[in-house]
C-alpha atoms as a PDB file:
ATOM      1  CA  MET A   1      11.932 -46.340 -35.582  1.00  0.00           C
ATOM      2  CA  LEU A   2      12.085 -47.702 -32.397  1.00  0.00           C
ATOM      3  CA  GLN A   3      15.725 -46.173 -32.243  1.00  0.00           C
ATOM      4  CA  LYS A   4      14.636 -42.590 -33.104  1.00  0.00           C
ATOM      5  CA  PHE A   5      11.872 -42.487 -30.671  1.00  0.00           C
ATOM      6  CA  LEU A   6      13.686 -43.645 -27.540  1.00  0.00           C
ATOM      7  CA  LEU A   7      16.704 -41.406 -28.649  1.00  0.00           C
ATOM      8  CA  LYS A   8      13.993 -38.692 -28.753  1.00  0.00           C
ATOM      9  CA  ILE A   9      12.554 -38.774 -25.449  1.00  0.00           C
ATOM     10  CA  GLY A  10      16.052 -38.529 -24.018  1.00  0.00           C
ATOM     11  CA  LEU A  11      17.624 -41.830 -24.025  1.00  0.00           C
ATOM     12  CA  SER A  12      21.565 -41.908 -24.799  1.00  0.00           C
ATOM     13  CA  GLU A  13      22.314 -43.890 -28.244  1.00  0.00           C
ATOM     14  CA  LYS A  14      24.263 -46.472 -25.895  1.00  0.00           C
ATOM     15  CA  GLU A  15      20.691 -46.531 -23.617  1.00  0.00           C
ATOM     16  CA  VAL A  16      18.649 -47.267 -26.600  1.00  0.00           C
ATOM     17  CA  LYS A  17      21.168 -50.011 -27.788  1.00  0.00           C
ATOM     18  CA  VAL A  18      21.029 -51.732 -24.399  1.00  0.00           C
ATOM     19  CA  TYR A  19      17.087 -51.280 -23.783  1.00  0.00           C
ATOM     20  CA  LEU A  20      16.262 -52.887 -27.014  1.00  0.00           C
ATOM     21  CA  ALA A  21      18.546 -55.905 -26.421  1.00  0.00           C
ATOM     22  CA  SER A  22      17.819 -56.303 -23.119  1.00  0.00           C
ATOM     23  CA  LEU A  23      13.954 -56.208 -23.414  1.00  0.00           C
ATOM     24  CA  HIS A  24      14.439 -58.855 -26.178  1.00  0.00           C
ATOM     25  CA  LEU A  25      16.770 -60.897 -24.075  1.00  0.00           C
ATOM     26  CA  GLY A  26      14.852 -60.551 -20.635  1.00  0.00           C
ATOM     27  CA  SER A  27      16.672 -61.198 -17.357  1.00  0.00           C
ATOM     28  CA  GLN A  28      20.512 -61.760 -17.899  1.00  0.00           C
ATOM     29  CA  PRO A  29      23.829 -61.446 -16.241  1.00  0.00           C
ATOM     30  CA  ILE A  30      25.936 -59.083 -17.738  1.00  0.00           C
ATOM     31  CA  SER A  31      28.440 -61.407 -19.630  1.00  0.00           C
ATOM     32  CA  VAL A  32      25.383 -62.328 -22.045  1.00  0.00           C
ATOM     33  CA  ILE A  33      24.270 -58.905 -22.407  1.00  0.00           C
ATOM     34  CA  ALA A  34      28.324 -57.737 -23.209  1.00  0.00           C
ATOM     35  CA  LYS A  35      27.973 -60.864 -25.820  1.00  0.00           C
ATOM     36  CA  SER A  36      24.474 -59.345 -27.623  1.00  0.00           C
ATOM     37  CA  THR A  37      25.469 -55.469 -27.578  1.00  0.00           C
ATOM     38  CA  GLY A  38      29.410 -55.527 -28.069  1.00  0.00           C
ATOM     39  CA  LEU A  39      29.846 -53.422 -25.285  1.00  0.00           C
ATOM     40  CA  ASN A  40      32.314 -54.098 -22.377  1.00  0.00           C
ATOM     41  CA  ARG A  41      31.026 -54.841 -18.955  1.00  0.00           C
ATOM     42  CA  THR A  42      32.186 -51.428 -16.922  1.00  0.00           C
ATOM     43  CA  THR A  43      30.078 -49.792 -19.948  1.00  0.00           C
ATOM     44  CA  LEU A  44      27.327 -52.033 -19.671  1.00  0.00           C
ATOM     45  CA  TYR A  45      27.259 -51.350 -15.789  1.00  0.00           C
ATOM     46  CA  ASP A  46      27.015 -47.610 -16.151  1.00  0.00           C
ATOM     47  CA  ILE A  47      24.196 -47.944 -18.363  1.00  0.00           C
ATOM     48  CA  PHE A  48      22.587 -50.185 -16.771  1.00  0.00           C
ATOM     49  CA  GLU A  49      22.720 -47.660 -13.501  1.00  0.00           C
ATOM     50  CA  SER A  50      21.474 -45.001 -15.733  1.00  0.00           C
ATOM     51  CA  LEU A  51      18.535 -46.966 -16.503  1.00  0.00           C
ATOM     52  CA  ILE A  52      18.157 -48.104 -12.926  1.00  0.00           C
ATOM     53  CA  LYS A  53      17.599 -44.130 -12.271  1.00  0.00           C
ATOM     54  CA  LYS A  54      15.093 -43.696 -14.818  1.00  0.00           C
ATOM     55  CA  GLY A  55      12.762 -46.236 -13.760  1.00  0.00           C
ATOM     56  CA  LEU A  56      13.415 -48.181 -16.708  1.00  0.00           C
ATOM     57  CA  ALA A  57      15.560 -51.310 -15.597  1.00  0.00           C
ATOM     58  CA  SER A  58      15.833 -53.380 -12.330  1.00  0.00           C
ATOM     59  CA  LYS A  59      18.821 -55.761 -11.371  1.00  0.00           C
ATOM     60  CA  ILE A  60      18.627 -58.328  -8.889  1.00  0.00           C
ATOM     61  CA  ASP A  61      21.167 -60.737  -7.239  1.00  0.00           C
ATOM     62  CA  ARG A  62      20.705 -64.309  -7.665  1.00  0.00           C
ATOM     63  CA  GLY A  63      23.595 -66.250  -5.885  1.00  0.00           C
ATOM     64  CA  VAL A  64      26.875 -65.028  -7.085  1.00  0.00           C
ATOM     65  CA  ALA A  65      25.517 -63.575 -10.069  1.00  0.00           C
ATOM     66  CA  THR A  66      23.613 -60.299 -10.856  1.00  0.00           C
ATOM     67  CA  TYR A  67      21.169 -60.589 -13.525  1.00  0.00           C
ATOM     68  CA  PHE A  68      19.629 -57.112 -15.027  1.00  0.00           C
ATOM     69  CA  GLN A  69      16.624 -56.777 -17.279  1.00  0.00           C
ATOM     70  CA  VAL A  70      14.711 -53.593 -18.566  1.00  0.00           C
ATOM     71  CA  LEU A  71      11.180 -53.242 -17.133  1.00  0.00           C
ATOM     72  CA  ASP A  72       7.663 -53.517 -18.908  1.00  0.00           C
ATOM     73  CA  PRO A  73       7.810 -50.932 -21.607  1.00  0.00           C
ATOM     74  CA  ASN A  74       4.786 -49.147 -19.827  1.00  0.00           C
ATOM     75  CA  ASN A  75       7.313 -47.516 -17.494  1.00  0.00           C
ATOM     76  CA  LEU A  76       8.679 -45.187 -20.232  1.00  0.00           C
ATOM     77  CA  MET A  77       5.166 -43.318 -19.629  1.00  0.00           C
ATOM     78  CA  ASN A  78       6.308 -42.998 -15.728  1.00  0.00           C
ATOM     79  CA  TYR A  79       9.393 -41.962 -16.924  1.00  0.00           C
ATOM     80  CA  LEU A  80       8.039 -39.296 -19.127  1.00  0.00           C
ATOM     81  CA  ASP A  81       5.789 -38.073 -16.495  1.00  0.00           C
ATOM     82  CA  ARG A  82       9.424 -37.816 -14.177  1.00  0.00           C
ATOM     83  CA  GLU A  83      10.979 -35.746 -16.861  1.00  0.00           C
ATOM     84  CA  LYS A  84       7.996 -33.466 -17.595  1.00  0.00           C
ATOM     85  CA  ASN A  85       7.619 -32.957 -13.386  1.00  0.00           C
ATOM     86  CA  GLU A  86      11.186 -32.622 -13.390  1.00  0.00           C
ATOM     87  CA  PHE A  87      11.136 -30.216 -16.184  1.00  0.00           C
ATOM     88  CA  VAL A  88       8.466 -27.577 -14.613  1.00  0.00           C
ATOM     89  CA  ARG A  89      10.239 -27.716 -11.302  1.00  0.00           C
ATOM     90  CA  LYS A  90      13.344 -26.800 -12.911  1.00  0.00           C
ATOM     91  CA  ILE A  91      11.275 -23.757 -14.889  1.00  0.00           C
ATOM     92  CA  GLU A  92       9.427 -22.980 -11.756  1.00  0.00           C
ATOM     93  CA  LYS A  93      12.959 -22.236  -9.882  1.00  0.00           C
ATOM     94  CA  GLU A  94      14.918 -19.883 -12.400  1.00  0.00           C
ATOM     95  CA  LYS A  95      11.973 -17.734 -12.566  1.00  0.00           C
ATOM     96  CA  LEU A  96      12.159 -17.752  -8.940  1.00  0.00           C
ATOM     97  CA  GLU A  97      15.667 -16.991  -9.435  1.00  0.00           C
ATOM     98  CA  ILE A  98      14.793 -14.437 -11.929  1.00  0.00           C
ATOM     99  CA  LEU A  99      12.621 -12.307  -9.642  1.00  0.00           C
ATOM    100  CA  THR A 100      15.279 -11.823  -7.513  1.00  0.00           C
ATOM    101  CA  ILE A 101      17.753 -10.253  -9.958  1.00  0.00           C
ATOM    102  CA  ILE A 102      15.046  -7.932 -11.652  1.00  0.00           C
ATOM    103  CA  PRO A 103      15.159  -5.516  -9.374  1.00  0.00           C
ATOM    104  CA  ALA A 104      19.330  -5.096  -9.987  1.00  0.00           C
ATOM    105  CA  LEU A 105      18.576  -5.492 -13.528  1.00  0.00           C
ATOM    106  CA  LYS A 106      16.108  -2.513 -13.849  1.00  0.00           C
ATOM    107  CA  SER A 107      18.728  -0.160 -11.744  1.00  0.00           C
ATOM    108  CA  LEU A 108      20.556  -0.555 -14.838  1.00  0.00           C
ATOM    109  CA  GLU A 109      17.886   1.164 -17.082  1.00  0.00           C
ATOM    110  CA  ASN A 110      18.627   5.152 -17.112  1.00  0.00           C
ATOM    111  CA  PRO A 111      15.970   6.814 -15.326  1.00  0.00           C
ATOM    112  CA  MET A 112      16.328  10.379 -16.976  1.00  0.00           C
ATOM    113  CA  SER A 113      16.255   8.868 -20.578  1.00  0.00           C
ATOM    114  CA  THR A 114      12.945   9.919 -22.130  1.00  0.00           C
ATOM    115  CA  LYS A 115      13.719   8.402 -25.519  1.00  0.00           C
ATOM    116  CA  PRO A 116      10.447   5.898 -26.458  1.00  0.00           C
ATOM    117  CA  LYS A 117      11.231   2.063 -26.642  1.00  0.00           C
ATOM    118  CA  VAL A 118       9.576   0.347 -29.432  1.00  0.00           C
ATOM    119  CA  LYS A 119       9.640  -3.572 -29.474  1.00  0.00           C
ATOM    120  CA  PHE A 120       8.200  -5.169 -32.690  1.00  0.00           C
ATOM    121  CA  PHE A 121       6.868  -8.352 -32.499  1.00  0.00           C
ATOM    122  CA  GLU A 122       5.773 -10.440 -35.984  1.00  0.00           C
ATOM    123  CA  GLY A 123       3.401 -13.572 -36.431  1.00  0.00           C
ATOM    124  CA  GLU A 124       0.789 -15.770 -34.609  1.00  0.00           C
ATOM    125  CA  LYS A 125       4.021 -16.370 -31.477  1.00  0.00           C
ATOM    126  CA  GLY A 126       4.806 -12.862 -31.566  1.00  0.00           C
ATOM    127  CA  MET A 127       1.599 -11.404 -31.369  1.00  0.00           C
ATOM    128  CA  ARG A 128       0.650 -13.716 -28.301  1.00  0.00           C
ATOM    129  CA  GLN A 129       3.852 -12.233 -26.615  1.00  0.00           C
ATOM    130  CA  VAL A 130       3.020  -8.728 -26.720  1.00  0.00           C
ATOM    131  CA  TYR A 131      -0.611  -9.762 -25.419  1.00  0.00           C
ATOM    132  CA  GLU A 132       1.445 -11.285 -22.346  1.00  0.00           C
ATOM    133  CA  ASP A 133       3.067  -7.577 -21.709  1.00  0.00           C
ATOM    134  CA  THR A 134      -0.266  -6.319 -21.052  1.00  0.00           C
ATOM    135  CA  LEU A 135      -1.346  -8.948 -18.270  1.00  0.00           C
ATOM    136  CA  THR A 136       1.823  -6.903 -16.816  1.00  0.00           C
ATOM    137  CA  SER A 137      -0.591  -3.277 -16.492  1.00  0.00           C
ATOM    138  CA  SER A 138      -0.963  -2.059 -13.220  1.00  0.00           C
ATOM    139  CA  GLU A 139      -4.128  -0.128 -14.301  1.00  0.00           C
ATOM    140  CA  SER A 140      -7.185  -0.565 -16.203  1.00  0.00           C
ATOM    141  CA  ILE A 141      -6.832  -1.053 -19.772  1.00  0.00           C
ATOM    142  CA  ARG A 142      -7.976   1.532 -22.257  1.00  0.00           C
ATOM    143  CA  ALA A 143      -8.706  -0.708 -25.995  1.00  0.00           C
ATOM    144  CA  TYR A 144      -9.859   0.388 -29.302  1.00  0.00           C
ATOM    145  CA  ALA A 145     -10.461  -3.453 -30.473  1.00  0.00           C
ATOM    146  CA  ASN A 146     -12.523  -5.181 -33.020  1.00  0.00           C
ATOM    147  CA  VAL A 147     -13.851  -8.465 -31.281  1.00  0.00           C
ATOM    148  CA  GLU A 148     -14.154  -9.961 -34.960  1.00  0.00           C
ATOM    149  CA  GLU A 149     -11.038  -9.223 -36.326  1.00  0.00           C
ATOM    150  CA  MET A 150      -9.232 -10.312 -32.985  1.00  0.00           C
ATOM    151  CA  HIS A 151     -10.969 -13.903 -33.296  1.00  0.00           C
ATOM    152  CA  LYS A 152      -9.829 -14.272 -36.650  1.00  0.00           C
ATOM    153  CA  GLY A 153      -6.555 -13.453 -36.043  1.00  0.00           C
ATOM    154  CA  LEU A 154      -5.677 -15.421 -32.714  1.00  0.00           C
ATOM    155  CA  PRO A 155      -8.486 -18.213 -32.908  1.00  0.00           C
ATOM    156  CA  ASN A 156      -9.357 -20.072 -29.718  1.00  0.00           C
ATOM    157  CA  PHE A 157      -6.459 -17.171 -27.437  1.00  0.00           C
ATOM    158  CA  PHE A 158      -9.009 -14.772 -26.566  1.00  0.00           C
ATOM    159  CA  PRO A 159     -11.317 -16.675 -24.151  1.00  0.00           C
ATOM    160  CA  GLU A 160      -8.125 -17.796 -21.911  1.00  0.00           C
ATOM    161  CA  TYR A 161      -7.019 -14.629 -22.141  1.00  0.00           C
ATOM    162  CA  TYR A 162     -10.115 -12.675 -20.570  1.00  0.00           C
ATOM    163  CA  LYS A 163     -10.074 -15.231 -18.094  1.00  0.00           C
ATOM    164  CA  ARG A 164      -5.832 -14.593 -17.467  1.00  0.00           C
ATOM    165  CA  ARG A 165      -6.721 -11.105 -17.323  1.00  0.00           C
ATOM    166  CA  LYS A 166      -9.382 -11.222 -14.641  1.00  0.00           C
ATOM    167  CA  GLU A 167      -7.359 -13.573 -12.200  1.00  0.00           C
ATOM    168  CA  ALA A 168      -4.687 -10.357 -12.611  1.00  0.00           C
ATOM    169  CA  GLY A 169      -7.322  -8.008 -11.679  1.00  0.00           C
ATOM    170  CA  ILE A 170      -6.936  -6.204 -14.713  1.00  0.00           C
ATOM    171  CA  PHE A 171     -10.269  -4.314 -15.939  1.00  0.00           C
ATOM    172  CA  SER A 172     -10.651  -3.128 -19.483  1.00  0.00           C
ATOM    173  CA  TYR A 173     -12.396  -0.364 -20.944  1.00  0.00           C
ATOM    174  CA  ALA A 174     -12.718  -1.067 -24.875  1.00  0.00           C
ATOM    175  CA  ILE A 175     -14.348   0.790 -27.991  1.00  0.00           C
ATOM    176  CA  CYS A 176     -15.432  -1.347 -30.686  1.00  0.00           C
ATOM    177  CA  PRO A 177     -17.219  -1.235 -33.536  1.00  0.00           C
ATOM    178  CA  ASP A 178     -20.743  -2.767 -33.207  1.00  0.00           C
ATOM    179  CA  ASN A 179     -20.866  -5.779 -35.604  1.00  0.00           C
ATOM    180  CA  LYS A 180     -22.526  -9.082 -34.243  1.00  0.00           C
ATOM    181  CA  LEU A 181     -19.247 -10.751 -32.507  1.00  0.00           C
ATOM    182  CA  SER A 182     -18.661  -7.339 -30.476  1.00  0.00           C
ATOM    183  CA  LYS A 183     -22.281  -7.358 -29.394  1.00  0.00           C
ATOM    184  CA  GLU A 184     -22.006 -10.694 -28.271  1.00  0.00           C
ATOM    185  CA  ARG A 185     -18.689 -10.842 -26.422  1.00  0.00           C
ATOM    186  CA  LYS A 186     -20.453  -7.415 -24.341  1.00  0.00           C
ATOM    187  CA  LYS A 187     -22.417 -10.289 -23.141  1.00  0.00           C
ATOM    188  CA  TYR A 188     -20.006 -11.336 -20.875  1.00  0.00           C
ATOM    189  CA  ASP A 189     -18.631  -7.811 -19.998  1.00  0.00           C
ATOM    190  CA  LYS A 190     -19.198  -8.360 -15.848  1.00  0.00           C
ATOM    191  CA  LYS A 191     -17.844 -11.823 -15.877  1.00  0.00           C
ATOM    192  CA  GLU A 192     -14.536 -10.866 -17.818  1.00  0.00           C
ATOM    193  CA  MET A 193     -13.831  -7.774 -16.052  1.00  0.00           C
ATOM    194  CA  ARG A 194     -14.651  -5.330 -18.820  1.00  0.00           C
ATOM    195  CA  GLU A 195     -16.814  -2.401 -20.501  1.00  0.00           C
ATOM    196  CA  ILE A 196     -17.351  -2.249 -24.006  1.00  0.00           C
ATOM    197  CA  ARG A 197     -18.965   0.912 -25.778  1.00  0.00           C
ATOM    198  CA  PHE A 198     -19.426   0.689 -29.266  1.00  0.00           C
ATOM    199  CA  ILE A 199     -18.891   3.375 -32.132  1.00  0.00           C
ATOM    200  CA  PRO A 200     -20.929   2.826 -35.576  1.00  0.00           C
ATOM    201  CA  LYS A 201     -19.537  -0.276 -37.732  1.00  0.00           C
ATOM    202  CA  GLU A 202     -20.631   1.570 -40.969  1.00  0.00           C
ATOM    203  CA  LYS A 203     -18.638   4.524 -40.327  1.00  0.00           C
ATOM    204  CA  TYR A 204     -15.865   3.656 -38.029  1.00  0.00           C
ATOM    205  CA  SER A 205     -14.838   0.260 -38.243  1.00  0.00           C
ATOM    206  CA  PHE A 206     -11.481  -0.854 -38.172  1.00  0.00           C
ATOM    207  CA  SER A 207      -9.159  -4.126 -38.104  1.00  0.00           C
ATOM    208  CA  PRO A 208      -6.157  -3.243 -35.750  1.00  0.00           C
ATOM    209  CA  GLU A 209      -6.408  -3.335 -31.350  1.00  0.00           C
ATOM    210  CA  LEU A 210      -4.792  -0.768 -29.736  1.00  0.00           C
ATOM    211  CA  ASN A 211      -4.298  -0.924 -26.262  1.00  0.00           C
ATOM    212  CA  VAL A 212      -3.140   1.685 -23.899  1.00  0.00           C
ATOM    213  CA  TYR A 213      -1.663   1.154 -20.012  1.00  0.00           C
ATOM    214  CA  ASP A 214       1.147   2.098 -17.867  1.00  0.00           C
ATOM    215  CA  ASP A 215       3.383   3.837 -19.855  1.00  0.00           C
ATOM    216  CA  LYS A 216       2.971   1.573 -22.836  1.00  0.00           C
ATOM    217  CA  VAL A 217       0.980   1.692 -26.212  1.00  0.00           C
ATOM    218  CA  MET A 218       0.330  -1.620 -27.715  1.00  0.00           C
ATOM    219  CA  ILE A 219      -0.662  -1.701 -31.431  1.00  0.00           C
ATOM    220  CA  ALA A 220      -1.678  -5.271 -33.163  1.00  0.00           C
ATOM    221  CA  SER A 221      -1.982  -5.419 -36.713  1.00  0.00           C
ATOM    222  CA  TRP A 222      -4.387  -8.525 -37.632  1.00  0.00           C
ATOM    223  CA  GLN A 223      -4.231  -7.938 -41.100  1.00  0.00           C
ATOM    224  CA  GLU A 224      -0.167  -7.969 -41.397  1.00  0.00           C
ATOM    225  CA  LYS A 225       0.102 -10.173 -38.446  1.00  0.00           C
ATOM    226  CA  MET A 226       2.517  -7.701 -36.362  1.00  0.00           C
ATOM    227  CA  ALA A 227       2.533  -6.267 -33.205  1.00  0.00           C
ATOM    228  CA  LEU A 228       4.416  -2.730 -31.800  1.00  0.00           C
ATOM    229  CA  LEU A 229       4.756  -2.195 -28.332  1.00  0.00           C
ATOM    230  CA  ILE A 230       5.579   1.294 -27.369  1.00  0.00           C
ATOM    231  CA  THR A 231       7.017   2.160 -24.329  1.00  0.00           C
ATOM    232  CA  SER A 232       6.798   6.105 -23.647  1.00  0.00           C
ATOM    233  CA  LYS A 233       5.088   7.991 -20.657  1.00  0.00           C
ATOM    234  CA  GLU A 234       4.361  10.864 -23.222  1.00  0.00           C
ATOM    235  CA  ILE A 235       2.780   8.793 -25.702  1.00  0.00           C
ATOM    236  CA  ALA A 236       0.914   6.864 -23.672  1.00  0.00           C
ATOM    237  CA  ASP A 237      -0.303   9.824 -21.729  1.00  0.00           C
ATOM    238  CA  LEU A 238      -1.719  11.119 -24.873  1.00  0.00           C
ATOM    239  CA  HIS A 239      -3.872   8.146 -26.058  1.00  0.00           C
ATOM    240  CA  LYS A 240      -5.218   7.833 -22.776  1.00  0.00           C
ATOM    241  CA  LYS A 241      -6.729  11.418 -23.027  1.00  0.00           C
ATOM    242  CA  MET A 242      -8.009  10.798 -26.571  1.00  0.00           C
ATOM    243  CA  PHE A 243      -9.449   7.310 -25.449  1.00  0.00           C
ATOM    244  CA  ASP A 244     -10.808   9.326 -22.357  1.00  0.00           C
ATOM    245  CA  LEU A 245     -12.629  12.256 -24.233  1.00  0.00           C
ATOM    246  CA  LEU A 246     -14.102   9.708 -26.903  1.00  0.00           C
ATOM    247  CA  TRP A 247     -15.457   7.134 -24.020  1.00  0.00           C
ATOM    248  CA  MET A 248     -17.246   9.884 -22.395  1.00  0.00           C
ATOM    249  CA  LYS A 249     -19.100  11.122 -25.596  1.00  0.00           C
ATOM    250  CA  LEU A 250     -20.232   7.563 -25.969  1.00  0.00           C
ATOM    251  CA  VAL A 251     -22.113   7.341 -23.016  1.00  0.00           C
END
């Protein structure tokens, strides 16, 4: 069990073997550790150098001999923190690199193409992903939304989503069935940069959500746990006009 855990957090098999042996032996010269592990001296020196770089071991010269030992196991937490920070730095660096090549990638797109692009998303993870795209909008989002269905479909997702949409400076106009949760959500319209207008739930209730923004139409089906993202200026413009027509009648 200990071996599996140490492997899981990123130590090699030999590092695990040496770590556990040294933890048991305490501070010892390389010869004693070699005898206990069955590994040769050269290999042990390399392994201890790696463990020292990871902040998990140390060495000290005592006369003509050098003694090696692993540090208190609590240092494993510090090691994981450093690994996490290094991973975050790597991801942030890669994001910056991607930003520099996006213009070149976009230049490869055919600007003359009018064929709609359709992307399909499935499952809870996919539906979260499609909502990430709405946060790229350069204009206000027009939405048909049933708050009760949304919050059942992705529990605990939307309060954080509303916060991020506000941070991105994206306003939302929403047409919703006048159910209990939609009315409750409307109380936060100002805080969440949104305006909700209602339609009678008895006659016009619906389950899916539809968002229109830029040249895109996003449709999320809560019952089928799937979503579509259509990129088409013509289709988006039609939905915007239909939304605006209904919006004015709901004043």
